[in-house]
PDB file of N, CA and C in Angstrom:
ATOM      1  N   MET A   1      20.439 176.984 252.145  1.00  0.00           N
ATOM      2  CA  MET A   1      21.420 176.793 251.430  1.00  0.00           C
ATOM      3  C   MET A   1      22.428 175.673 251.852  1.00  0.00           C
ATOM      4  N   ALA A   2      22.347 175.499 253.257  1.00  0.00           N
ATOM      5  CA  ALA A   2      23.441 174.317 253.541  1.00  0.00           C
ATOM      6  C   ALA A   2      22.769 173.061 253.016  1.00  0.00           C
ATOM      7  N   ASN A   3      21.414 172.769 253.176  1.00  0.00           N
ATOM      8  CA  ASN A   3      20.849 171.788 252.714  1.00  0.00           C
ATOM      9  C   ASN A   3      21.018 171.625 251.225  1.00  0.00           C
ATOM     10  N   GLN A   4      20.943 172.612 250.333  1.00  0.00           N
ATOM     11  CA  GLN A   4      21.129 172.572 248.827  1.00  0.00           C
ATOM     12  C   GLN A   4      22.704 172.234 248.684  1.00  0.00           C
ATOM     13  N   SER A   5      23.591 172.681 249.257  1.00  0.00           N
ATOM     14  CA  SER A   5      24.918 172.285 249.222  1.00  0.00           C
ATOM     15  C   SER A   5      25.422 171.011 249.731  1.00  0.00           C
ATOM     16  N   GLN A   6      24.631 170.356 250.657  1.00  0.00           N
ATOM     17  CA  GLN A   6      24.880 169.112 251.194  1.00  0.00           C
ATOM     18  C   GLN A   6      24.242 168.434 250.299  1.00  0.00           C
ATOM     19  N   GLU A   7      23.208 168.351 249.612  1.00  0.00           N
ATOM     20  CA  GLU A   7      22.390 167.644 248.610  1.00  0.00           C
ATOM     21  C   GLU A   7      23.488 167.502 247.522  1.00  0.00           C
ATOM     22  N   ILE A   8      24.004 168.607 246.954  1.00  0.00           N
ATOM     23  CA  ILE A   8      25.038 168.696 245.558  1.00  0.00           C
ATOM     24  C   ILE A   8      26.185 167.699 246.089  1.00  0.00           C
ATOM     25  N   SER A   9      26.578 167.781 247.284  1.00  0.00           N
ATOM     26  CA  SER A   9      27.895 166.971 247.817  1.00  0.00           C
ATOM     27  C   SER A   9      27.572 165.732 247.493  1.00  0.00           C
ATOM     28  N   GLN A  10      26.266 165.249 248.433  1.00  0.00           N
ATOM     29  CA  GLN A  10      26.053 163.837 248.117  1.00  0.00           C
ATOM     30  C   GLN A  10      25.559 163.472 246.686  1.00  0.00           C
ATOM     31  N   ALA A  11      25.294 164.025 245.578  1.00  0.00           N
ATOM     32  CA  ALA A  11      24.924 163.610 244.490  1.00  0.00           C
ATOM     33  C   ALA A  11      26.268 163.527 243.814  1.00  0.00           C
ATOM     34  N   GLN A  12      27.384 164.465 244.096  1.00  0.00           N
ATOM     35  CA  GLN A  12      28.615 164.359 243.390  1.00  0.00           C
ATOM     36  C   GLN A  12      29.256 163.048 243.904  1.00  0.00           C
ATOM     37  N   GLN A  13      29.247 162.877 245.226  1.00  0.00           N
ATOM     38  CA  GLN A  13      29.884 161.666 245.577  1.00  0.00           C
ATOM     39  C   GLN A  13      29.145 160.295 245.258  1.00  0.00           C
ATOM     40  N   PHE A  14      27.776 160.372 244.932  1.00  0.00           N
ATOM     41  CA  PHE A  14      26.986 159.117 244.404  1.00  0.00           C
ATOM     42  C   PHE A  14      27.780 158.906 242.874  1.00  0.00           C
ATOM     43  N   TYR A  15      27.678 159.899 242.318  1.00  0.00           N
ATOM     44  CA  TYR A  15      27.951 159.994 240.816  1.00  0.00           C
ATOM     45  C   TYR A  15      29.433 159.363 240.708  1.00  0.00           C
ATOM     46  N   THR A  16      30.564 159.735 241.484  1.00  0.00           N
ATOM     47  CA  THR A  16      31.568 159.418 241.269  1.00  0.00           C
ATOM     48  C   THR A  16      31.724 157.894 241.790  1.00  0.00           C
ATOM     49  N   SER A  17      30.946 157.643 242.863  1.00  0.00           N
ATOM     50  CA  SER A  17      31.277 156.175 243.012  1.00  0.00           C
ATOM     51  C   SER A  17      30.707 155.504 242.137  1.00  0.00           C
ATOM     52  N   ASP A  18      29.633 155.917 241.700  1.00  0.00           N
ATOM     53  CA  ASP A  18      28.935 154.878 240.602  1.00  0.00           C
ATOM     54  C   ASP A  18      29.542 154.777 239.190  1.00  0.00           C
ATOM     55  N   SER A  19      30.311 155.970 239.021  1.00  0.00           N
ATOM     56  CA  SER A  19      31.451 156.094 237.876  1.00  0.00           C
ATOM     57  C   SER A  19      32.248 154.856 237.959  1.00  0.00           C
ATOM     58  N   ARG A  20      32.809 155.127 239.184  1.00  0.00           N
ATOM     59  CA  ARG A  20      33.947 154.159 239.525  1.00  0.00           C
ATOM     60  C   ARG A  20      33.351 152.515 239.289  1.00  0.00           C
ATOM     61  N   ALA A  21      32.473 152.282 239.828  1.00  0.00           N
ATOM     62  CA  ALA A  21      31.783 150.986 239.899  1.00  0.00           C
ATOM     63  C   ALA A  21      31.347 150.794 238.659  1.00  0.00           C
ATOM     64  N   HIS A  22      31.137 151.586 237.538  1.00  0.00           N
ATOM     65  CA  HIS A  22      31.012 151.349 236.173  1.00  0.00           C
ATOM     66  C   HIS A  22      32.134 150.964 235.476  1.00  0.00           C
ATOM     67  N   LEU A  23      33.160 151.723 235.635  1.00  0.00           N
ATOM     68  CA  LEU A  23      34.520 151.297 235.144  1.00  0.00           C
ATOM     69  C   LEU A  23      34.786 150.103 235.445  1.00  0.00           C
ATOM     70  N   ASN A  24      34.904 149.663 236.825  1.00  0.00           N
ATOM     71  CA  ASN A  24      35.222 148.486 237.340  1.00  0.00           C
ATOM     72  C   ASN A  24      34.506 147.228 236.556  1.00  0.00           C
ATOM     73  N   ARG A  25      33.180 147.485 236.437  1.00  0.00           N
ATOM     74  CA  ARG A  25      32.425 146.567 235.695  1.00  0.00           C
ATOM     75  C   ARG A  25      32.938 146.673 234.330  1.00  0.00           C
ATOM     76  N   GLU A  26      33.192 147.550 233.608  1.00  0.00           N
ATOM     77  CA  GLU A  26      33.601 147.222 232.287  1.00  0.00           C
ATOM     78  C   GLU A  26      35.094 146.783 232.064  1.00  0.00           C
ATOM     79  N   GLU A  27      35.957 147.033 232.979  1.00  0.00           N
ATOM     80  CA  GLU A  27      37.384 146.146 233.000  1.00  0.00           C
ATOM     81  C   GLU A  27      37.005 144.610 233.337  1.00  0.00           C
ATOM     82  N   LYS A  28      36.090 144.389 234.074  1.00  0.00           N
ATOM     83  CA  LYS A  28      35.852 142.914 234.253  1.00  0.00           C
ATOM     84  C   LYS A  28      35.300 142.314 233.133  1.00  0.00           C
ATOM     85  N   ASN A  29      34.521 143.136 232.402  1.00  0.00           N
ATOM     86  CA  ASN A  29      33.906 142.401 231.148  1.00  0.00           C
ATOM     87  C   ASN A  29      34.821 142.444 230.211  1.00  0.00           C
ATOM     88  N   ASP A  30      35.600 143.449 229.923  1.00  0.00           N
ATOM     89  CA  ASP A  30      36.709 143.374 228.912  1.00  0.00           C
ATOM     90  C   ASP A  30      37.378 142.128 229.280  1.00  0.00           C
ATOM     91  N   GLY A  31      38.017 141.755 230.383  1.00  0.00           N
ATOM     92  CA  GLY A  31      38.630 140.767 230.892  1.00  0.00           C
ATOM     93  C   GLY A  31      38.091 139.440 230.345  1.00  0.00           C
ATOM     94  N   LYS A  32      36.619 139.296 230.633  1.00  0.00           N
ATOM     95  CA  LYS A  32      35.830 137.968 230.496  1.00  0.00           C
ATOM     96  C   LYS A  32      35.866 137.840 228.963  1.00  0.00           C
ATOM     97  N   MET A  33      35.691 139.126 228.218  1.00  0.00           N
ATOM     98  CA  MET A  33      35.601 139.001 226.787  1.00  0.00           C
ATOM     99  C   MET A  33      36.983 138.516 226.106  1.00  0.00           C
ATOM    100  N   SER A  34      37.964 138.731 226.701  1.00  0.00           N
ATOM    101  CA  SER A  34      39.348 138.553 226.175  1.00  0.00           C
ATOM    102  C   SER A  34      39.407 136.970 226.469  1.00  0.00           C
ATOM    103  N   GLN A  35      39.183 136.414 227.762  1.00  0.00           N
ATOM    104  CA  GLN A  35      39.178 135.104 227.978  1.00  0.00           C
ATOM    105  C   GLN A  35      38.360 134.285 227.025  1.00  0.00           C
ATOM    106  N   MET A  36      37.254 134.538 227.022  1.00  0.00           N
ATOM    107  CA  MET A  36      36.221 134.044 225.938  1.00  0.00           C
ATOM    108  C   MET A  36      36.745 134.124 224.610  1.00  0.00           C
ATOM    109  N   SER A  37      37.296 135.227 224.004  1.00  0.00           N
ATOM    110  CA  SER A  37      37.902 135.033 222.991  1.00  0.00           C
ATOM    111  C   SER A  37      39.142 134.024 222.605  1.00  0.00           C
ATOM    112  N   ASN A  38      40.006 133.988 223.650  1.00  0.00           N
ATOM    113  CA  ASN A  38      41.089 133.231 223.834  1.00  0.00           C
ATOM    114  C   ASN A  38      40.661 131.538 223.522  1.00  0.00           C
ATOM    115  N   ALA A  39      39.529 131.536 224.499  1.00  0.00           N
ATOM    116  CA  ALA A  39      39.014 129.999 224.577  1.00  0.00           C
ATOM    117  C   ALA A  39      38.425 129.690 223.039  1.00  0.00           C
ATOM    118  N   ALA A  40      37.607 130.547 222.712  1.00  0.00           N
ATOM    119  CA  ALA A  40      37.201 130.428 221.221  1.00  0.00           C
ATOM    120  C   ALA A  40      38.471 130.056 220.270  1.00  0.00           C
ATOM    121  N   SER A  41      39.124 130.884 220.095  1.00  0.00           N
ATOM    122  CA  SER A  41      40.247 130.683 219.361  1.00  0.00           C
ATOM    123  C   SER A  41      41.220 129.205 219.495  1.00  0.00           C
ATOM    124  N   GLU A  42      41.254 128.873 220.534  1.00  0.00           N
ATOM    125  CA  GLU A  42      41.795 127.525 221.072  1.00  0.00           C
ATOM    126  C   GLU A  42      41.077 126.425 220.689  1.00  0.00           C
ATOM    127  N   THR A  43      39.762 126.606 220.725  1.00  0.00           N
ATOM    128  CA  THR A  43      38.718 125.842 220.397  1.00  0.00           C
ATOM    129  C   THR A  43      38.673 125.454 218.988  1.00  0.00           C
ATOM    130  N   ALA A  44      39.056 126.727 217.977  1.00  0.00           N
ATOM    131  CA  ALA A  44      39.038 126.447 216.582  1.00  0.00           C
ATOM    132  C   ALA A  44      40.130 125.973 216.080  1.00  0.00           C
ATOM    133  N   GLN A  45      41.380 126.245 216.595  1.00  0.00           N
ATOM    134  CA  GLN A  45      42.672 125.455 216.361  1.00  0.00           C
ATOM    135  C   GLN A  45      42.503 123.802 216.608  1.00  0.00           C
ATOM    136  N   LYS A  46      41.811 123.704 217.702  1.00  0.00           N
ATOM    137  CA  LYS A  46      41.703 122.138 218.089  1.00  0.00           C
ATOM    138  C   LYS A  46      41.034 121.645 217.004  1.00  0.00           C
ATOM    139  N   ALA A  47      39.945 122.103 216.676  1.00  0.00           N
ATOM    140  CA  ALA A  47      39.125 121.537 215.666  1.00  0.00           C
ATOM    141  C   ALA A  47      39.568 121.568 214.115  1.00  0.00           C
ATOM    142  N   SER A  48      40.493 122.488 213.903  1.00  0.00           N
ATOM    143  CA  SER A  48      41.112 122.471 212.541  1.00  0.00           C
ATOM    144  C   SER A  48      42.270 121.463 212.576  1.00  0.00           C
ATOM    145  N   ASN A  49      42.707 121.050 214.153  1.00  0.00           N
ATOM    146  CA  ASN A  49      43.967 120.025 213.884  1.00  0.00           C
ATOM    147  C   ASN A  49      43.047 118.463 213.763  1.00  0.00           C
ATOM    148  N   ILE A  50      42.280 118.687 214.311  1.00  0.00           N
ATOM    149  CA  ILE A  50      41.168 117.270 214.281  1.00  0.00           C
ATOM    150  C   ILE A  50      40.811 117.006 212.941  1.00  0.00           C
ATOM    151  N   LEU A  51      40.181 118.120 211.939  1.00  0.00           N
ATOM    152  CA  LEU A  51      39.646 117.708 210.865  1.00  0.00           C
ATOM    153  C   LEU A  51      40.928 117.396 209.877  1.00  0.00           C
ATOM    154  N   GLN A  52      42.115 118.088 209.926  1.00  0.00           N
ATOM    155  CA  GLN A  52      43.546 117.842 209.143  1.00  0.00           C
ATOM    156  C   GLN A  52      43.988 116.447 209.523  1.00  0.00           C
ATOM    157  N   GLN A  53      43.890 115.878 210.750  1.00  0.00           N
ATOM    158  CA  GLN A  53      44.022 114.630 211.244  1.00  0.00           C
ATOM    159  C   GLN A  53      43.208 113.480 210.295  1.00  0.00           C
ATOM    160  N   THR A  54      42.041 113.992 210.418  1.00  0.00           N
ATOM    161  CA  THR A  54      40.878 112.922 209.753  1.00  0.00           C
ATOM    162  C   THR A  54      41.107 112.982 208.311  1.00  0.00           C
ATOM    163  N   GLY A  55      41.198 114.168 207.730  1.00  0.00           N
ATOM    164  CA  GLY A  55      41.537 114.196 206.347  1.00  0.00           C
ATOM    165  C   GLY A  55      42.650 113.377 206.017  1.00  0.00           C
ATOM    166  N   GLU A  56      43.806 113.303 206.629  1.00  0.00           N
ATOM    167  CA  GLU A  56      44.970 112.435 206.456  1.00  0.00           C
ATOM    168  C   GLU A  56      44.748 110.908 206.739  1.00  0.00           C
ATOM    169  N   SER A  57      43.867 110.888 207.696  1.00  0.00           N
ATOM    170  CA  SER A  57      43.360 109.237 207.605  1.00  0.00           C
ATOM    171  C   SER A  57      42.585 108.679 206.618  1.00  0.00           C
ATOM    172  N   VAL A  58      41.923 109.601 206.301  1.00  0.00           N
ATOM    173  CA  VAL A  58      40.903 109.318 205.024  1.00  0.00           C
ATOM    174  C   VAL A  58      41.865 109.228 203.884  1.00  0.00           C
ATOM    175  N   LYS A  59      42.612 109.959 203.535  1.00  0.00           N
ATOM    176  CA  LYS A  59      43.491 109.951 202.611  1.00  0.00           C
ATOM    177  C   LYS A  59      44.324 108.439 202.519  1.00  0.00           C
ATOM    178  N   ASN A  60      44.801 108.100 203.667  1.00  0.00           N
ATOM    179  CA  ASN A  60      45.651 107.000 203.894  1.00  0.00           C
ATOM    180  C   ASN A  60      44.778 105.811 203.564  1.00  0.00           C
ATOM    181  N   ILE A  61      43.825 105.621 204.257  1.00  0.00           N
ATOM    182  CA  ILE A  61      42.693 104.842 204.048  1.00  0.00           C
ATOM    183  C   ILE A  61      42.123 104.319 202.500  1.00  0.00           C
ATOM    184  N   ALA A  62      41.862 105.478 201.609  1.00  0.00           N
ATOM    185  CA  ALA A  62      41.520 105.464 200.256  1.00  0.00           C
ATOM    186  C   ALA A  62      42.692 105.023 199.253  1.00  0.00           C
ATOM    187  N   ALA A  63      43.988 105.492 199.897  1.00  0.00           N
ATOM    188  CA  ALA A  63      45.039 104.770 199.255  1.00  0.00           C
ATOM    189  C   ALA A  63      45.611 103.350 199.520  1.00  0.00           C
ATOM    190  N   GLY A  64      45.120 102.956 200.696  1.00  0.00           N
ATOM    191  CA  GLY A  64      45.145 101.404 200.937  1.00  0.00           C
ATOM    192  C   GLY A  64      44.268 100.636 200.136  1.00  0.00           C
ATOM    193  N   ALA A  65      43.140 101.103 200.384  1.00  0.00           N
ATOM    194  CA  ALA A  65      41.914 100.425 199.433  1.00  0.00           C
ATOM    195  C   ALA A  65      42.267 100.411 197.906  1.00  0.00           C
ATOM    196  N   THR A  66      42.693 101.583 197.531  1.00  0.00           N
ATOM    197  CA  THR A  66      43.167 101.389 195.790  1.00  0.00           C
ATOM    198  C   THR A  66      44.374 100.544 195.623  1.00  0.00           C
ATOM    199  N   ASP A  67      45.409 100.254 196.459  1.00  0.00           N
ATOM    200  CA  ASP A  67      46.411  99.443 196.359  1.00  0.00           C
ATOM    201  C   ASP A  67      45.680  97.925 196.403  1.00  0.00           C
ATOM    202  N   ALA A  68      44.639  97.705 197.433  1.00  0.00           N
ATOM    203  CA  ALA A  68      44.429  96.523 197.590  1.00  0.00           C
ATOM    204  C   ALA A  68      43.618  96.023 196.267  1.00  0.00           C
ATOM    205  N   VAL A  69      42.879  97.206 195.729  1.00  0.00           N
ATOM    206  CA  VAL A  69      42.112  96.574 194.399  1.00  0.00           C
ATOM    207  C   VAL A  69      43.170  96.444 193.237  1.00  0.00           C
ATOM    208  N   LYS A  70      44.192  97.140 193.282  1.00  0.00           N
ATOM    209  CA  LYS A  70      45.164  97.124 192.235  1.00  0.00           C
ATOM    210  C   LYS A  70      45.876  95.817 192.529  1.00  0.00           C
ATOM    211  N   ASN A  71      46.033  95.377 193.507  1.00  0.00           N
ATOM    212  CA  ASN A  71      46.953  94.179 194.034  1.00  0.00           C
ATOM    213  C   ASN A  71      45.774  92.774 193.431  1.00  0.00           C
ATOM    214  N   SER A  72      44.726  92.974 193.776  1.00  0.00           N
ATOM    215  CA  SER A  72      43.640  92.165 193.555  1.00  0.00           C
ATOM    216  C   SER A  72      43.562  91.752 191.976  1.00  0.00           C
ATOM    217  N   LEU A  73      43.670  92.944 191.224  1.00  0.00           N
ATOM    218  CA  LEU A  73      43.549  92.985 189.875  1.00  0.00           C
ATOM    219  C   LEU A  73      44.851  92.560 189.056  1.00  0.00           C
ATOM    220  N   GLY A  74      46.182  92.847 189.771  1.00  0.00           N
ATOM    221  CA  GLY A  74      47.198  92.564 189.118  1.00  0.00           C
ATOM    222  C   GLY A  74      47.871  93.704 188.448  1.00  0.00           C
ATOM    223  N   ILE A  75      47.556  94.688 188.642  1.00  0.00           N
ATOM    224  CA  ILE A  75      48.081  95.921 187.946  1.00  0.00           C
ATOM    225  C   ILE A  75      48.785  96.832 188.766  1.00  0.00           C
ATOM    226  N   ASN A  76      48.959  96.319 190.340  1.00  0.00           N
ATOM    227  CA  ASN A  76      50.025  97.011 191.125  1.00  0.00           C
ATOM    228  C   ASN A  76      51.272  95.961 191.032  1.00  0.00           C
ATOM    229  N   ASN A  77      51.810  95.534 190.137  1.00  0.00           N
ATOM    230  CA  ASN A  77      52.944  94.489 190.134  1.00  0.00           C
ATOM    231  C   ASN A  77      54.046  95.273 190.000  1.00  0.00           C
ATOM    232  N   PRO A  78      54.972  95.534 190.972  1.00  0.00           N
ATOM    233  CA  PRO A  78      56.266  96.308 190.799  1.00  0.00           C
ATOM    234  C   PRO A  78      57.290  95.593 190.057  1.00  0.00           C
ATOM    235  N   SER A  79      57.055  94.451 189.380  1.00  0.00           N
ATOM    236  CA  SER A  79      57.967  93.473 188.718  1.00  0.00           C
ATOM    237  C   SER A  79      57.627  93.882 187.111  1.00  0.00           C
ATOM    238  N   ASN A  80      56.878  94.805 186.830  1.00  0.00           N
ATOM    239  CA  ASN A  80      56.148  95.221 185.568  1.00  0.00           C
ATOM    240  C   ASN A  80      57.589  95.933 184.902  1.00  0.00           C
ATOM    241  N   THR A  81      57.813  95.387 183.821  1.00  0.00           N
ATOM    242  CA  THR A  81      58.892  96.076 183.152  1.00  0.00           C
ATOM    243  C   THR A  81      58.367  96.268 181.818  1.00  0.00           C
ATOM    244  N   PRO A  82      59.083  97.338 181.107  1.00  0.00           N
ATOM    245  CA  PRO A  82      58.568  97.623 179.481  1.00  0.00           C
ATOM    246  C   PRO A  82      58.232  96.757 178.487  1.00  0.00           C
ATOM    247  N   SER A  83      58.787  95.640 178.759  1.00  0.00           N
ATOM    248  CA  SER A  83      58.399  94.463 177.898  1.00  0.00           C
ATOM    249  C   SER A  83      57.153  93.507 178.458  1.00  0.00           C
ATOM    250  N   ASN A  84      56.958  93.845 179.843  1.00  0.00           N
ATOM    251  CA  ASN A  84      55.795  93.106 180.262  1.00  0.00           C
ATOM    252  C   ASN A  84      54.535  94.050 181.263  1.00  0.00           C
ATOM    253  N   THR A  85      54.378  95.053 180.652  1.00  0.00           N
ATOM    254  CA  THR A  85      53.566  96.117 181.091  1.00  0.00           C
ATOM    255  C   THR A  85      51.909  95.458 181.198  1.00  0.00           C
ATOM    256  N   PRO A  86      51.474  96.186 181.769  1.00  0.00           N
ATOM    257  CA  PRO A  86      49.915  95.805 181.931  1.00  0.00           C
ATOM    258  C   PRO A  86      49.119  95.729 180.981  1.00  0.00           C
ATOM    259  N   GLY A  87      49.372  96.754 179.626  1.00  0.00           N
ATOM    260  CA  GLY A  87      48.771  96.750 178.323  1.00  0.00           C
ATOM    261  C   GLY A  87      48.972  95.732 177.550  1.00  0.00           C
ATOM    262  N   ASN A  88      50.141  94.904 177.731  1.00  0.00           N
ATOM    263  CA  ASN A  88      50.474  93.803 176.899  1.00  0.00           C
ATOM    264  C   ASN A  88      50.445  92.533 177.551  1.00  0.00           C
ATOM    265  N   THR A  89      49.637  92.427 178.640  1.00  0.00           N
ATOM    266  CA  THR A  89      49.142  91.002 179.384  1.00  0.00           C
ATOM    267  C   THR A  89      47.670  91.114 179.614  1.00  0.00           C
ATOM    268  N   ILE A  90      47.118  89.864 179.901  1.00  0.00           N
ATOM    269  CA  ILE A  90      45.736  89.759 180.437  1.00  0.00           C
ATOM    270  C   ILE A  90      45.926  89.198 181.595  1.00  0.00           C
ATOM    271  N   ALA A  91      45.192  89.733 182.686  1.00  0.00           N
ATOM    272  CA  ALA A  91      45.435  89.052 183.997  1.00  0.00           C
ATOM    273  C   ALA A  91      44.487  88.154 184.261  1.00  0.00           C
ATOM    274  N   THR A  92      44.711  86.998 184.717  1.00  0.00           N
ATOM    275  CA  THR A  92      43.926  86.077 184.962  1.00  0.00           C
ATOM    276  C   THR A  92      43.454  86.221 186.415  1.00  0.00           C
ATOM    277  N   SER A  93      42.389  85.372 186.849  1.00  0.00           N
ATOM    278  CA  SER A  93      41.888  85.313 188.465  1.00  0.00           C
ATOM    279  C   SER A  93      43.058  85.146 189.196  1.00  0.00           C
ATOM    280  N   ASN A  94      43.829  84.445 189.102  1.00  0.00           N
ATOM    281  CA  ASN A  94      45.094  84.168 190.078  1.00  0.00           C
ATOM    282  C   ASN A  94      46.139  85.321 189.669  1.00  0.00           C
ATOM    283  N   THR A  95      45.995  86.361 189.203  1.00  0.00           N
ATOM    284  CA  THR A  95      47.057  87.490 188.766  1.00  0.00           C
ATOM    285  C   THR A  95      48.088  86.901 187.612  1.00  0.00           C
ATOM    286  N   THR A  96      48.030  85.762 187.189  1.00  0.00           N
ATOM    287  CA  THR A  96      49.192  85.372 186.531  1.00  0.00           C
ATOM    288  C   THR A  96      48.810  85.882 184.959  1.00  0.00           C
ATOM    289  N   ALA A  97      49.856  86.516 184.634  1.00  0.00           N
ATOM    290  CA  ALA A  97      49.655  87.386 183.251  1.00  0.00           C
ATOM    291  C   ALA A  97      50.100  86.183 182.192  1.00  0.00           C
ATOM    292  N   ILE A  98      49.032  86.581 181.242  1.00  0.00           N
ATOM    293  CA  ILE A  98      49.039  85.877 179.842  1.00  0.00           C
ATOM    294  C   ILE A  98      49.537  86.760 179.069  1.00  0.00           C
ATOM    295  N   PRO A  99      50.520  86.660 178.088  1.00  0.00           N
ATOM    296  CA  PRO A  99      50.691  87.683 176.779  1.00  0.00           C
ATOM    297  C   PRO A  99      49.626  87.595 175.986  1.00  0.00           C
ATOM    298  N   THR A 100      49.377  88.871 175.578  1.00  0.00           N
ATOM    299  CA  THR A 100      48.190  88.712 174.354  1.00  0.00           C
ATOM    300  C   THR A 100      48.837  88.392 173.059  1.00  0.00           C
ATOM    301  N   SER A 101      49.859  88.146 172.890  1.00  0.00           N
ATOM    302  CA  SER A 101      50.518  87.450 171.637  1.00  0.00           C
ATOM    303  C   SER A 101      50.396  86.122 171.647  1.00  0.00           C
ATOM    304  N   ALA A 102      50.053  85.490 172.959  1.00  0.00           N
ATOM    305  CA  ALA A 102      49.872  84.003 172.814  1.00  0.00           C
ATOM    306  C   ALA A 102      48.843  83.220 171.782  1.00  0.00           C
ATOM    307  N   THR A 103      49.285  82.310 171.627  1.00  0.00           N
ATOM    308  CA  THR A 103      48.222  81.564 170.491  1.00  0.00           C
ATOM    309  C   THR A 103      47.700  80.464 171.455  1.00  0.00           C
ATOM    310  N   VAL A 104      46.144  80.632 171.293  1.00  0.00           N
ATOM    311  CA  VAL A 104      45.468  79.357 172.104  1.00  0.00           C
ATOM    312  C   VAL A 104      45.118  78.328 171.161  1.00  0.00           C
ATOM    313  N   HIS A 105      45.340  77.136 171.208  1.00  0.00           N
ATOM    314  CA  HIS A 105      44.999  76.229 170.440  1.00  0.00           C
ATOM    315  C   HIS A 105      43.844  75.082 171.142  1.00  0.00           C
ATOM    316  N   PRO A 106      42.527  75.476 170.694  1.00  0.00           N
ATOM    317  CA  PRO A 106      41.587  74.627 171.154  1.00  0.00           C
ATOM    318  C   PRO A 106      41.814  73.028 171.193  1.00  0.00           C
ATOM    319  N   THR A 107      41.486  72.366 172.014  1.00  0.00           N
ATOM    320  CA  THR A 107      41.577  70.825 172.115  1.00  0.00           C
ATOM    321  C   THR A 107      40.415  70.366 171.652  1.00  0.00           C
ATOM    322  N   THR A 108      40.501  69.324 170.713  1.00  0.00           N
ATOM    323  CA  THR A 108      39.491  68.584 170.119  1.00  0.00           C
ATOM    324  C   THR A 108      39.170  67.229 170.536  1.00  0.00           C
TER     325      THR A 108
END
């Protein structure tokens, strides 16, 4: 009987210590998971910021290219007035506007 009682006591001690070790491992794993989750969240936020900045850069580049083309064609002239709008003029290669009502006299 003493041996059986001693074996039961040893089994209980083993079970108790094993349970404590298991709980400690779970706590450590929970901490690691939390750290990994925080790191993933930070990485996602950084990626979002980079994509937003890239989008703004592309938008600005496209706006600059559009303005450059308009300037080259003479249709981005801020001095256009209602009587001198692009619809009433023909732009030449040097962006000088010629009124569409101008009469052209051929030379002979």
